[in-house]
Structure formats: C-alpha cells, structure tokens
Amino acid sequence: MRHVYQTKNTCSRSIEFDLNDGIVTNVKFNGGCMGNTKGVAALVEGMSAEEIIRRCKNIPCGFRGTSCPDQLALALEKALRTS
C-alpha cells in the first residue's frame, strides 16, 4: 500500500513509500538534500518497517530536533498503526 507523509521541521516536504506485509519499498523523499535522502531511501529498500524505526528514530539534524530519517521512522509508525 502506498503512503504519503507530510514531514515537519525538515528540508524535505514529504515522504512517499510502499508498505506491504511490514516491508518497505519505493521510498521517495520530496525535497531535502538529494544525496542524503536518496542514500537513506536506497539503504532501507526491502527492510522491515520495525527495523527502520529502530535504526532511524530520534536521529537529529542540527537544531531541528528531527531529521529526514527520524521523519521516515515517524511515517512508518503512523502507517503501521493505520494498516
């Protein structure tokens, strides 16, 4: 199932991803630092949502208190709750 999450306090505006049977694929960050967001998307491809959350939650970016990886973790938590 395709999900779109509107990010908060990051350079990226939103995150799109597919979540099927707990596995994350086709992650796309809209906006943000292209190299970093494409790198994160490539690294999490095919991983379980739970593992991504474990690895990425609470990673800060400067003074923002969040980051693109942290926002992905929050998006996945929300998607798991609503699935």
PDB file of N, CA and C in Angstrom:
ATOM      1  N   MET A   1       0.834  -1.169   0.000  1.00  0.00           N
ATOM      2  CA  MET A   1       0.000   0.000   0.000  1.00  0.00           C
ATOM      3  C   MET A   1       0.883   1.239   0.000  1.00  0.00           C
ATOM      4  N   ARG A   2       0.568   2.196  -0.841  1.00  0.00           N
ATOM      5  CA  ARG A   2       1.336   3.441  -0.943  1.00  0.00           C
ATOM      6  C   ARG A   2       0.920   4.403   0.171  1.00  0.00           C
ATOM      7  N   HIS A   3       1.920   5.038   0.784  1.00  0.00           N
ATOM      8  CA  HIS A   3       1.690   6.014   1.849  1.00  0.00           C
ATOM      9  C   HIS A   3       2.417   7.304   1.489  1.00  0.00           C
ATOM     10  N   VAL A   4       1.836   8.420   1.895  1.00  0.00           N
ATOM     11  CA  VAL A   4       2.463   9.732   1.753  1.00  0.00           C
ATOM     12  C   VAL A   4       2.390  10.404   3.121  1.00  0.00           C
ATOM     13  N   TYR A   5       3.537  10.873   3.585  1.00  0.00           N
ATOM     14  CA  TYR A   5       3.630  11.507   4.904  1.00  0.00           C
ATOM     15  C   TYR A   5       4.186  12.908   4.737  1.00  0.00           C
ATOM     16  N   GLN A   6       3.479  13.900   5.275  1.00  0.00           N
ATOM     17  CA  GLN A   6       3.933  15.290   5.240  1.00  0.00           C
ATOM     18  C   GLN A   6       4.905  15.499   6.395  1.00  0.00           C
ATOM     19  N   THR A   7       6.142  15.804   6.076  1.00  0.00           N
ATOM     20  CA  THR A   7       7.177  15.960   7.100  1.00  0.00           C
ATOM     21  C   THR A   7       7.038  17.288   7.838  1.00  0.00           C
ATOM     22  N   LYS A   8       7.690  17.350   8.986  1.00  0.00           N
ATOM     23  CA  LYS A   8       7.681  18.564   9.806  1.00  0.00           C
ATOM     24  C   LYS A   8       9.116  18.894  10.214  1.00  0.00           C
ATOM     25  N   ASN A   9       9.496  20.155  10.091  1.00  0.00           N
ATOM     26  CA  ASN A   9      10.809  20.649  10.535  1.00  0.00           C
ATOM     27  C   ASN A   9      11.998  20.024   9.822  1.00  0.00           C
ATOM     28  N   THR A  10      11.819  19.633   8.555  1.00  0.00           N
ATOM     29  CA  THR A  10      12.937  19.125   7.760  1.00  0.00           C
ATOM     30  C   THR A  10      12.937  19.826   6.406  1.00  0.00           C
ATOM     31  N   CYS A  11      14.033  19.691   5.699  1.00  0.00           N
ATOM     32  CA  CYS A  11      14.130  20.260   4.353  1.00  0.00           C
ATOM     33  C   CYS A  11      13.215  19.536   3.372  1.00  0.00           C
ATOM     34  N   SER A  12      13.027  18.231   3.583  1.00  0.00           N
ATOM     35  CA  SER A  12      12.105  17.505   2.717  1.00  0.00           C
ATOM     36  C   SER A  12      10.666  17.886   3.084  1.00  0.00           C
ATOM     37  N   ARG A  13       9.809  17.906   2.082  1.00  0.00           N
ATOM     38  CA  ARG A  13       8.410  18.299   2.284  1.00  0.00           C
ATOM     39  C   ARG A  13       7.517  17.110   2.608  1.00  0.00           C
ATOM     40  N   SER A  14       7.858  15.968   2.041  1.00  0.00           N
ATOM     41  CA  SER A  14       7.048  14.766   2.256  1.00  0.00           C
ATOM     42  C   SER A  14       7.877  13.526   1.932  1.00  0.00           C
ATOM     43  N   ILE A  15       7.348  12.388   2.367  1.00  0.00           N
ATOM     44  CA  ILE A  15       7.968  11.095   2.094  1.00  0.00           C
ATOM     45  C   ILE A  15       6.884  10.178   1.549  1.00  0.00           C
ATOM     46  N   GLU A  16       7.193   9.501   0.460  1.00  0.00           N
ATOM     47  CA  GLU A  16       6.291   8.505  -0.108  1.00  0.00           C
ATOM     48  C   GLU A  16       6.971   7.141   0.013  1.00  0.00           C
ATOM     49  N   PHE A  17       6.188   6.105   0.276  1.00  0.00           N
ATOM     50  CA  PHE A  17       6.739   4.757   0.375  1.00  0.00           C
ATOM     51  C   PHE A  17       5.613   3.741   0.262  1.00  0.00           C
ATOM     52  N   ASP A  18       6.003   2.510  -0.091  1.00  0.00           N
ATOM     53  CA  ASP A  18       5.084   1.383  -0.089  1.00  0.00           C
ATOM     54  C   ASP A  18       5.376   0.549   1.146  1.00  0.00           C
ATOM     55  N   LEU A  19       4.319   0.075   1.784  1.00  0.00           N
ATOM     56  CA  LEU A  19       4.442  -0.800   2.945  1.00  0.00           C
ATOM     57  C   LEU A  19       3.529  -1.995   2.720  1.00  0.00           C
ATOM     58  N   ASN A  20       4.124  -3.153   2.528  1.00  0.00           N
ATOM     59  CA  ASN A  20       3.377  -4.379   2.293  1.00  0.00           C
ATOM     60  C   ASN A  20       3.927  -5.478   3.181  1.00  0.00           C
ATOM     61  N   ASP A  21       3.050  -6.043   4.018  1.00  0.00           N
ATOM     62  CA  ASP A  21       3.445  -7.103   4.946  1.00  0.00           C
ATOM     63  C   ASP A  21       4.641  -6.699   5.803  1.00  0.00           C
ATOM     64  N   GLY A  22       4.675  -5.417   6.206  1.00  0.00           N
ATOM     65  CA  GLY A  22       5.730  -4.924   7.093  1.00  0.00           C
ATOM     66  C   GLY A  22       7.037  -4.595   6.411  1.00  0.00           C
ATOM     67  N   ILE A  23       7.106  -4.738   5.077  1.00  0.00           N
ATOM     68  CA  ILE A  23       8.335  -4.479   4.323  1.00  0.00           C
ATOM     69  C   ILE A  23       8.188  -3.157   3.561  1.00  0.00           C
ATOM     70  N   VAL A  24       9.230  -2.346   3.608  1.00  0.00           N
ATOM     71  CA  VAL A  24       9.222  -1.013   2.999  1.00  0.00           C
ATOM     72  C   VAL A  24       9.951  -1.046   1.659  1.00  0.00           C
ATOM     73  N   THR A  25       9.314  -0.480   0.638  1.00  0.00           N
ATOM     74  CA  THR A  25       9.916  -0.370  -0.689  1.00  0.00           C
ATOM     75  C   THR A  25       9.553   0.970  -1.301  1.00  0.00           C
ATOM     76  N   ASN A  26      10.258   1.321  -2.353  1.00  0.00           N
ATOM     77  CA  ASN A  26       9.950   2.501  -3.169  1.00  0.00           C
ATOM     78  C   ASN A  26       9.867   3.800  -2.366  1.00  0.00           C
ATOM     79  N   VAL A  27      10.841   4.018  -1.483  1.00  0.00           N
ATOM     80  CA  VAL A  27      10.876   5.237  -0.672  1.00  0.00           C
ATOM     81  C   VAL A  27      11.329   6.404  -1.536  1.00  0.00           C
ATOM     82  N   LYS A  28      10.613   7.510  -1.429  1.00  0.00           N
ATOM     83  CA  LYS A  28      10.971   8.726  -2.153  1.00  0.00           C
ATOM     84  C   LYS A  28      10.756   9.923  -1.233  1.00  0.00           C
ATOM     85  N   PHE A  29      11.826  10.675  -0.998  1.00  0.00           N
ATOM     86  CA  PHE A  29      11.738  11.929  -0.256  1.00  0.00           C
ATOM     87  C   PHE A  29      11.507  13.037  -1.275  1.00  0.00           C
ATOM     88  N   ASN A  30      10.567  13.902  -1.016  1.00  0.00           N
ATOM     89  CA  ASN A  30      10.304  15.051  -1.884  1.00  0.00           C
ATOM     90  C   ASN A  30      10.940  16.283  -1.259  1.00  0.00           C
ATOM     91  N   GLY A  31      11.993  16.769  -1.895  1.00  0.00           N
ATOM     92  CA  GLY A  31      12.777  17.866  -1.346  1.00  0.00           C
ATOM     93  C   GLY A  31      13.875  17.320  -0.451  1.00  0.00           C
ATOM     94  N   GLY A  32      14.605  18.209   0.161  1.00  0.00           N
ATOM     95  CA  GLY A  32      15.683  17.805   1.054  1.00  0.00           C
ATOM     96  C   GLY A  32      17.009  17.682   0.334  1.00  0.00           C
ATOM     97  N   CYS A  33      18.006  17.230   1.042  1.00  0.00           N
ATOM     98  CA  CYS A  33      19.352  17.055   0.498  1.00  0.00           C
ATOM     99  C   CYS A  33      19.367  15.794  -0.355  1.00  0.00           C
ATOM    100  N   MET A  34      19.436  15.962  -1.662  1.00  0.00           N
ATOM    101  CA  MET A  34      19.241  14.853  -2.583  1.00  0.00           C
ATOM    102  C   MET A  34      20.142  13.657  -2.302  1.00  0.00           C
ATOM    103  N   GLY A  35      21.408  13.881  -2.089  1.00  0.00           N
ATOM    104  CA  GLY A  35      22.318  12.768  -1.843  1.00  0.00           C
ATOM    105  C   GLY A  35      21.949  12.000  -0.584  1.00  0.00           C
ATOM    106  N   ASN A  36      21.649  12.714   0.479  1.00  0.00           N
ATOM    107  CA  ASN A  36      21.292  12.061   1.740  1.00  0.00           C
ATOM    108  C   ASN A  36      19.964  11.326   1.640  1.00  0.00           C
ATOM    109  N   THR A  37      18.955  11.967   1.074  1.00  0.00           N
ATOM    110  CA  THR A  37      17.640  11.326   1.022  1.00  0.00           C
ATOM    111  C   THR A  37      17.638  10.133   0.067  1.00  0.00           C
ATOM    112  N   LYS A  38      18.344  10.242  -1.054  1.00  0.00           N
ATOM    113  CA  LYS A  38      18.438   9.091  -1.960  1.00  0.00           C
ATOM    114  C   LYS A  38      19.226   7.963  -1.303  1.00  0.00           C
ATOM    115  N   GLY A  39      20.245   8.321  -0.529  1.00  0.00           N
ATOM    116  CA  GLY A  39      21.021   7.316   0.190  1.00  0.00           C
ATOM    117  C   GLY A  39      20.181   6.589   1.222  1.00  0.00           C
ATOM    118  N   VAL A  40      19.429   7.334   2.015  1.00  0.00           N
ATOM    119  CA  VAL A  40      18.556   6.708   3.015  1.00  0.00           C
ATOM    120  C   VAL A  40      17.547   5.802   2.315  1.00  0.00           C
ATOM    121  N   ALA A  41      16.926   6.300   1.250  1.00  0.00           N
ATOM    122  CA  ALA A  41      15.934   5.509   0.522  1.00  0.00           C
ATOM    123  C   ALA A  41      16.537   4.207   0.011  1.00  0.00           C
ATOM    124  N   ALA A  42      17.746   4.256  -0.520  1.00  0.00           N
ATOM    125  CA  ALA A  42      18.391   3.054  -1.039  1.00  0.00           C
ATOM    126  C   ALA A  42      18.741   2.083   0.090  1.00  0.00           C
ATOM    127  N   LEU A  43      19.201   2.608   1.212  1.00  0.00           N
ATOM    128  CA  LEU A  43      19.606   1.750   2.321  1.00  0.00           C
ATOM    129  C   LEU A  43      18.438   1.012   2.971  1.00  0.00           C
ATOM    130  N   VAL A  44      17.254   1.632   2.997  1.00  0.00           N
ATOM    131  CA  VAL A  44      16.115   0.997   3.666  1.00  0.00           C
ATOM    132  C   VAL A  44      15.289   0.119   2.736  1.00  0.00           C
ATOM    133  N   GLU A  45      15.576   0.133   1.457  1.00  0.00           N
ATOM    134  CA  GLU A  45      14.810  -0.654   0.482  1.00  0.00           C
ATOM    135  C   GLU A  45      14.774  -2.134   0.880  1.00  0.00           C
ATOM    136  N   GLY A  46      13.570  -2.667   1.036  1.00  0.00           N
ATOM    137  CA  GLY A  46      13.387  -4.074   1.366  1.00  0.00           C
ATOM    138  C   GLY A  46      13.511  -4.422   2.838  1.00  0.00           C
ATOM    139  N   MET A  47      13.764  -3.436   3.683  1.00  0.00           N
ATOM    140  CA  MET A  47      13.874  -3.679   5.126  1.00  0.00           C
ATOM    141  C   MET A  47      12.494  -3.697   5.769  1.00  0.00           C
ATOM    142  N   SER A  48      12.438  -4.289   6.953  1.00  0.00           N
ATOM    143  CA  SER A  48      11.180  -4.252   7.702  1.00  0.00           C
ATOM    144  C   SER A  48      10.993  -2.854   8.287  1.00  0.00           C
ATOM    145  N   ALA A  49       9.750  -2.454   8.377  1.00  0.00           N
ATOM    146  CA  ALA A  49       9.432  -1.146   8.953  1.00  0.00           C
ATOM    147  C   ALA A  49       9.950  -1.051  10.380  1.00  0.00           C
ATOM    148  N   GLU A  50       9.808  -2.124  11.142  1.00  0.00           N
ATOM    149  CA  GLU A  50      10.255  -2.124  12.535  1.00  0.00           C
ATOM    150  C   GLU A  50      11.766  -1.891  12.649  1.00  0.00           C
ATOM    151  N   GLU A  51      12.537  -2.496  11.757  1.00  0.00           N
ATOM    152  CA  GLU A  51      13.996  -2.310  11.795  1.00  0.00           C
ATOM    153  C   GLU A  51      14.370  -0.884  11.420  1.00  0.00           C
ATOM    154  N   ILE A  52      13.693  -0.320  10.434  1.00  0.00           N
ATOM    155  CA  ILE A  52      13.957   1.069  10.043  1.00  0.00           C
ATOM    156  C   ILE A  52      13.642   1.999  11.199  1.00  0.00           C
ATOM    157  N   ILE A  53      12.517   1.779  11.848  1.00  0.00           N
ATOM    158  CA  ILE A  53      12.133   2.605  13.001  1.00  0.00           C
ATOM    159  C   ILE A  53      13.205   2.504  14.085  1.00  0.00           C
ATOM    160  N   ARG A  54      13.640   1.286  14.368  1.00  0.00           N
ATOM    161  CA  ARG A  54      14.657   1.073  15.413  1.00  0.00           C
ATOM    162  C   ARG A  54      15.948   1.830  15.104  1.00  0.00           C
ATOM    163  N   ARG A  55      16.342   1.824  13.839  1.00  0.00           N
ATOM    164  CA  ARG A  55      17.607   2.443  13.457  1.00  0.00           C
ATOM    165  C   ARG A  55      17.522   3.956  13.271  1.00  0.00           C
ATOM    166  N   CYS A  56      16.376   4.468  12.857  1.00  0.00           N
ATOM    167  CA  CYS A  56      16.283   5.870  12.429  1.00  0.00           C
ATOM    168  C   CYS A  56      15.584   6.813  13.403  1.00  0.00           C
ATOM    169  N   LYS A  57      14.789   6.272  14.311  1.00  0.00           N
ATOM    170  CA  LYS A  57      14.024   7.134  15.209  1.00  0.00           C
ATOM    171  C   LYS A  57      14.951   7.938  16.120  1.00  0.00           C
ATOM    172  N   ASN A  58      14.629   9.200  16.273  1.00  0.00           N
ATOM    173  CA  ASN A  58      15.323  10.148  17.160  1.00  0.00           C
ATOM    174  C   ASN A  58      16.687  10.593  16.658  1.00  0.00           C
ATOM    175  N   ILE A  59      16.996  10.394  15.378  1.00  0.00           N
ATOM    176  CA  ILE A  59      18.219  10.959  14.815  1.00  0.00           C
ATOM    177  C   ILE A  59      17.958  12.444  14.558  1.00  0.00           C
ATOM    178  N   PRO A  60      18.747  13.331  15.168  1.00  0.00           N
ATOM    179  CA  PRO A  60      18.532  14.762  14.956  1.00  0.00           C
ATOM    180  C   PRO A  60      19.325  15.303  13.770  1.00  0.00           C
ATOM    181  N   CYS A  61      18.903  16.447  13.283  1.00  0.00           N
ATOM    182  CA  CYS A  61      19.640  17.183  12.252  1.00  0.00           C
ATOM    183  C   CYS A  61      19.813  18.603  12.765  1.00  0.00           C
ATOM    184  N   GLY A  62      20.984  18.895  13.254  1.00  0.00           N
ATOM    185  CA  GLY A  62      21.249  20.229  13.782  1.00  0.00           C
ATOM    186  C   GLY A  62      20.319  20.575  14.927  1.00  0.00           C
ATOM    187  N   PHE A  63      19.766  21.768  14.880  1.00  0.00           N
ATOM    188  CA  PHE A  63      18.908  22.286  15.945  1.00  0.00           C
ATOM    189  C   PHE A  63      17.439  21.916  15.760  1.00  0.00           C
ATOM    190  N   ARG A  64      17.104  21.197  14.715  1.00  0.00           N
ATOM    191  CA  ARG A  64      15.704  20.934  14.361  1.00  0.00           C
ATOM    192  C   ARG A  64      14.993  19.976  15.322  1.00  0.00           C
ATOM    193  N   GLY A  65      15.745  19.096  15.976  1.00  0.00           N
ATOM    194  CA  GLY A  65      15.118  18.119  16.851  1.00  0.00           C
ATOM    195  C   GLY A  65      14.550  16.923  16.103  1.00  0.00           C
ATOM    196  N   THR A  66      14.721  16.894  14.796  1.00  0.00           N
ATOM    197  CA  THR A  66      14.279  15.783  13.962  1.00  0.00           C
ATOM    198  C   THR A  66      15.203  15.737  12.746  1.00  0.00           C
ATOM    199  N   SER A  67      14.934  14.849  11.839  1.00  0.00           N
ATOM    200  CA  SER A  67      15.723  14.719  10.613  1.00  0.00           C
ATOM    201  C   SER A  67      14.880  13.960   9.595  1.00  0.00           C
ATOM    202  N   CYS A  68      15.377  13.849   8.383  1.00  0.00           N
ATOM    203  CA  CYS A  68      14.665  13.051   7.380  1.00  0.00           C
ATOM    204  C   CYS A  68      14.556  11.588   7.804  1.00  0.00           C
ATOM    205  N   PRO A  69      15.631  10.961   8.319  1.00  0.00           N
ATOM    206  CA  PRO A  69      15.474   9.584   8.801  1.00  0.00           C
ATOM    207  C   PRO A  69      14.473   9.474   9.962  1.00  0.00           C
ATOM    208  N   ASP A  70      14.504  10.426  10.888  1.00  0.00           N
ATOM    209  CA  ASP A  70      13.556  10.425  12.000  1.00  0.00           C
ATOM    210  C   ASP A  70      12.132  10.575  11.477  1.00  0.00           C
ATOM    211  N   GLN A  71      11.929  11.445  10.508  1.00  0.00           N
ATOM    212  CA  GLN A  71      10.595  11.621   9.932  1.00  0.00           C
ATOM    213  C   GLN A  71      10.130  10.350   9.226  1.00  0.00           C
ATOM    214  N   LEU A  72      11.050   9.634   8.588  1.00  0.00           N
ATOM    215  CA  LEU A  72      10.690   8.355   7.978  1.00  0.00           C
ATOM    216  C   LEU A  72      10.230   7.379   9.055  1.00  0.00           C
ATOM    217  N   ALA A  73      10.935   7.330  10.170  1.00  0.00           N
ATOM    218  CA  ALA A  73      10.529   6.451  11.277  1.00  0.00           C
ATOM    219  C   ALA A  73       9.133   6.816  11.769  1.00  0.00           C
ATOM    220  N   LEU A  74       8.863   8.109  11.912  1.00  0.00           N
ATOM    221  CA  LEU A  74       7.536   8.546  12.360  1.00  0.00           C
ATOM    222  C   LEU A  74       6.466   8.193  11.332  1.00  0.00           C
ATOM    223  N   ALA A  75       6.795   8.344  10.059  1.00  0.00           N
ATOM    224  CA  ALA A  75       5.855   7.993   8.994  1.00  0.00           C
ATOM    225  C   ALA A  75       5.532   6.505   9.027  1.00  0.00           C
ATOM    226  N   LEU A  76       6.546   5.686   9.254  1.00  0.00           N
ATOM    227  CA  LEU A  76       6.332   4.240   9.310  1.00  0.00           C
ATOM    228  C   LEU A  76       5.516   3.839  10.532  1.00  0.00           C
ATOM    229  N   GLU A  77       5.766   4.485  11.659  1.00  0.00           N
ATOM    230  CA  GLU A  77       4.957   4.208  12.850  1.00  0.00           C
ATOM    231  C   GLU A  77       3.493   4.511  12.570  1.00  0.00           C
ATOM    232  N   LYS A  78       3.230   5.639  11.945  1.00  0.00           N
ATOM    233  CA  LYS A  78       1.856   6.013  11.606  1.00  0.00           C
ATOM    234  C   LYS A  78       1.243   5.011  10.635  1.00  0.00           C
ATOM    235  N   ALA A  79       1.988   4.622   9.622  1.00  0.00           N
ATOM    236  CA  ALA A  79       1.482   3.665   8.635  1.00  0.00           C
ATOM    237  C   ALA A  79       1.174   2.316   9.291  1.00  0.00           C
ATOM    238  N   LEU A  80       2.024   1.869  10.204  1.00  0.00           N
ATOM    239  CA  LEU A  80       1.774   0.600  10.883  1.00  0.00           C
ATOM    240  C   LEU A  80       0.522   0.662  11.756  1.00  0.00           C
ATOM    241  N   ARG A  81       0.280   1.815  12.374  1.00  0.00           N
ATOM    242  CA  ARG A  81      -0.914   1.972  13.214  1.00  0.00           C
ATOM    243  C   ARG A  81      -2.200   1.944  12.387  1.00  0.00           C
ATOM    244  N   THR A  82      -2.138   2.478  11.186  1.00  0.00           N
ATOM    245  CA  THR A  82      -3.340   2.594  10.360  1.00  0.00           C
ATOM    246  C   THR A  82      -3.538   1.416   9.411  1.00  0.00           C
ATOM    247  N   SER A  83      -2.572   0.504   9.380  1.00  0.00           N
ATOM    248  CA  SER A  83      -2.687  -0.652   8.472  1.00  0.00           C
ATOM    249  C   SER A  83      -3.522  -1.752   9.082  1.00  0.00           C
TER     250      SER A  83
END
